[in-house]
Amino acid sequence: MSGWVNSTSMSRFPTFAKELRLIDQDAYFVRTPGFDKCDTSKPTIKCDIR
């Protein structure tokens, strides 16, 4: 992952949190359609994106 991708990946979170009125410690879920069959049990994550 490039430094740019890493540093900008959450750049829209403050707007997201404000619009949904999230406060500290609120739980929330993010759906990523197409990535739901990723095997996260190993150090290297491999996905079959559909």
C-alpha atoms as a PDB file:
ATOM      1  CA  MET A   1       0.000   0.000   0.000  1.00  0.00           C
ATOM      2  CA  SER A   2       1.422   3.340  -0.947  1.00  0.00           C
ATOM      3  CA  GLY A   3       1.899   6.069   1.638  1.00  0.00           C
ATOM      4  CA  TRP A   4      -0.687   8.184  -0.200  1.00  0.00           C
ATOM      5  CA  VAL A   5      -3.322   5.417  -0.044  1.00  0.00           C
ATOM      6  CA  ASN A   6      -2.515   4.756   3.597  1.00  0.00           C
ATOM      7  CA  SER A   7      -2.682   8.399   4.646  1.00  0.00           C
ATOM      8  CA  THR A   8      -5.794   9.314   2.653  1.00  0.00           C
ATOM      9  CA  SER A   9      -7.855   6.177   3.216  1.00  0.00           C
ATOM     10  CA  MET A  10      -9.635   7.691   6.228  1.00  0.00           C
ATOM     11  CA  SER A  11      -9.595  11.309   5.047  1.00  0.00           C
ATOM     12  CA  ARG A  12     -13.399  11.358   4.697  1.00  0.00           C
ATOM     13  CA  PHE A  13     -14.044   9.846   8.142  1.00  0.00           C
ATOM     14  CA  PRO A  14     -14.537  13.164   9.982  1.00  0.00           C
ATOM     15  CA  THR A  15     -17.371  14.065   7.588  1.00  0.00           C
ATOM     16  CA  PHE A  16     -18.806  10.546   7.867  1.00  0.00           C
ATOM     17  CA  ALA A  17     -18.735  10.684  11.671  1.00  0.00           C
ATOM     18  CA  LYS A  18     -20.300  14.138  11.784  1.00  0.00           C
ATOM     19  CA  GLU A  19     -23.100  13.282   9.336  1.00  0.00           C
ATOM     20  CA  LEU A  20     -24.000  10.125  11.269  1.00  0.00           C
ATOM     21  CA  ARG A  21     -23.562  11.917  14.601  1.00  0.00           C
ATOM     22  CA  LEU A  22     -21.094   9.347  15.886  1.00  0.00           C
ATOM     23  CA  ILE A  23     -19.507  10.034  19.229  1.00  0.00           C
ATOM     24  CA  ASP A  24     -16.506   8.388  20.871  1.00  0.00           C
ATOM     25  CA  GLN A  25     -16.952   4.679  21.542  1.00  0.00           C
ATOM     26  CA  ASP A  26     -20.023   4.340  19.263  1.00  0.00           C
ATOM     27  CA  ALA A  27     -20.035   1.067  17.395  1.00  0.00           C
ATOM     28  CA  TYR A  28     -20.548   1.104  13.638  1.00  0.00           C
ATOM     29  CA  PHE A  29     -20.160  -1.302  10.737  1.00  0.00           C
ATOM     30  CA  VAL A  30     -18.840  -0.693   7.233  1.00  0.00           C
ATOM     31  CA  ARG A  31     -20.010  -2.955   4.403  1.00  0.00           C
ATOM     32  CA  THR A  32     -17.680  -3.512   1.476  1.00  0.00           C
ATOM     33  CA  PRO A  33     -19.667  -5.407  -1.157  1.00  0.00           C
ATOM     34  CA  GLY A  34     -17.471  -7.753  -3.148  1.00  0.00           C
ATOM     35  CA  PHE A  35     -14.979  -8.230  -0.317  1.00  0.00           C
ATOM     36  CA  ASP A  36     -17.220 -10.320   1.955  1.00  0.00           C
ATOM     37  CA  LYS A  37     -15.517 -13.607   0.993  1.00  0.00           C
ATOM     38  CA  CYS A  38     -11.967 -12.500   1.878  1.00  0.00           C
ATOM     39  CA  ASP A  39      -9.981 -14.963   3.995  1.00  0.00           C
ATOM     40  CA  THR A  40      -8.613 -12.860   6.869  1.00  0.00           C
ATOM     41  CA  SER A  41      -7.324 -15.829   8.870  1.00  0.00           C
ATOM     42  CA  LYS A  42      -3.800 -15.559   7.416  1.00  0.00           C
ATOM     43  CA  PRO A  43      -1.149 -12.811   7.542  1.00  0.00           C
ATOM     44  CA  THR A  44      -1.554 -12.201   3.786  1.00  0.00           C
ATOM     45  CA  ILE A  45      -5.156 -11.520   2.862  1.00  0.00           C
ATOM     46  CA  LYS A  46      -6.274 -12.823  -0.506  1.00  0.00           C
ATOM     47  CA  CYS A  47      -9.653 -11.978  -1.951  1.00  0.00           C
ATOM     48  CA  ASP A  48     -11.716 -13.236  -4.827  1.00  0.00           C
ATOM     49  CA  ILE A  49     -13.528  -9.996  -5.591  1.00  0.00           C
ATOM     50  CA  ARG A  50     -16.795 -10.414  -7.500  1.00  0.00           C
END
